[in-house]
């Protein structure tokens, strides 16, 4: 995961975080994951 850019607007930072979490999930980096969607409020 890349470090956050302090100048990145909040919405872009959230989008980036969700993208990186989804990528980590696809790579199988989570064991028994429960992730709550930031934008959608859903659970993956």
Foldseek 3Di string as FASTA:
>chain_A
DDDDDPPDDPVVRLVVVVVVVVVCVVVVVDDPDWDQRPVPRHTD
